[in-house]
Amino acid sequence: MTAQPGDRLIIRRPDVGAPARDGEILEVHGANGAPPYLVRWPDNGQEGLIFPGTDAAIQHFEHTADSRNGTA
């Protein structure tokens, strides 16, 4: 699993009957895009460091050099 800041982390939890949860990846702390990821959860605004499990997927977005530097 690899990601970049700005990608979305989607966690599906059908085994517990909970809806999928998704958050924005703010920082990547592993080498070459590997976990752990600092994620902001929009449903409650909390941020946390997470090592995704097998129920997680990354939704990738096209990134440009400008978007990675925080400019448009």
Protein backbone atom coordinates (compact mmCIF):
# COMPACT_ATOMS: atom_id res chain seq x y z
CA MET A 1 0.00 0.00 0.00
CA THR A 2 1.42 3.37 -1.01
CA ALA A 3 -0.01 6.87 -0.81
CA GLN A 4 0.79 10.56 -1.09
CA PRO A 5 -0.55 13.52 0.85
CA GLY A 6 -3.95 14.45 -0.59
CA ASP A 7 -4.97 10.83 -1.30
CA ARG A 8 -7.96 9.35 0.56
CA LEU A 9 -7.82 6.42 2.95
CA ILE A 10 -11.02 4.38 2.79
CA ILE A 11 -11.76 1.83 5.49
CA ARG A 12 -14.58 -0.66 4.88
CA ARG A 13 -15.96 -2.45 7.94
CA PRO A 14 -18.77 -4.73 6.74
CA ASP A 15 -18.00 -7.34 9.39
CA VAL A 16 -19.14 -4.97 12.14
CA GLY A 17 -22.01 -3.50 10.16
CA ALA A 18 -20.50 -0.03 10.17
CA PRO A 19 -20.44 2.22 7.11
CA ALA A 20 -17.20 2.86 5.26
CA ARG A 21 -15.08 5.66 6.63
CA ASP A 22 -12.74 7.83 4.59
CA GLY A 23 -10.20 10.47 5.47
CA GLU A 24 -7.62 12.68 3.83
CA ILE A 25 -3.99 11.62 4.07
CA LEU A 26 -2.08 14.63 5.35
CA GLU A 27 1.37 13.10 5.81
CA VAL A 28 3.14 9.90 4.83
CA HIS A 29 5.61 8.70 7.46
CA GLY A 30 6.86 5.48 5.83
CA ALA A 31 9.47 5.09 3.11
CA ASN A 32 8.30 5.41 -0.51
CA GLY A 33 4.67 6.16 0.37
CA ALA A 34 4.26 3.37 2.90
CA PRO A 35 2.32 3.66 6.19
CA PRO A 36 1.93 4.99 8.75
CA TYR A 37 -0.23 7.89 7.54
CA LEU A 38 -1.44 10.98 9.33
CA VAL A 39 -5.14 11.11 8.42
CA ARG A 40 -7.82 13.77 9.01
CA TRP A 41 -11.30 12.33 9.44
CA PRO A 42 -13.86 14.84 8.08
CA ASP A 43 -16.78 13.42 10.08
CA ASN A 44 -15.26 14.66 13.35
CA GLY A 45 -12.21 16.74 12.32
CA GLN A 46 -9.83 14.56 14.30
CA GLU A 47 -6.38 13.67 13.03
CA GLY A 48 -4.50 10.49 13.84
CA LEU A 49 -1.57 8.35 12.82
CA ILE A 50 -2.77 5.07 11.34
CA PHE A 51 -1.32 1.81 10.06
CA PRO A 52 -4.11 0.64 7.69
CA GLY A 53 -5.26 -2.96 7.88
CA THR A 54 -6.59 -5.31 5.23
CA ASP A 55 -9.95 -3.53 5.25
CA ALA A 56 -8.37 -0.32 3.92
CA ALA A 57 -7.79 1.02 0.42
CA ILE A 58 -6.18 4.14 -0.99
CA GLN A 59 -8.02 6.37 -3.44
CA HIS A 60 -5.27 8.03 -5.45
CA PHE A 61 -5.52 11.46 -7.00
CA GLU A 62 -3.28 12.99 -9.62
CA HIS A 63 -0.69 15.12 -7.88
CA THR A 64 1.35 17.91 -9.38
CA ALA A 65 4.51 19.46 -7.96
CA ASP A 66 2.51 22.60 -7.12
CA SER A 67 -0.23 20.72 -5.22
CA ARG A 68 2.37 18.86 -3.13
CA ASN A 69 3.93 22.20 -2.17
CA GLY A 70 0.59 23.62 -1.06
CA THR A 71 0.18 26.01 -3.97
CA ALA A 72 -2.34 25.86 -6.77
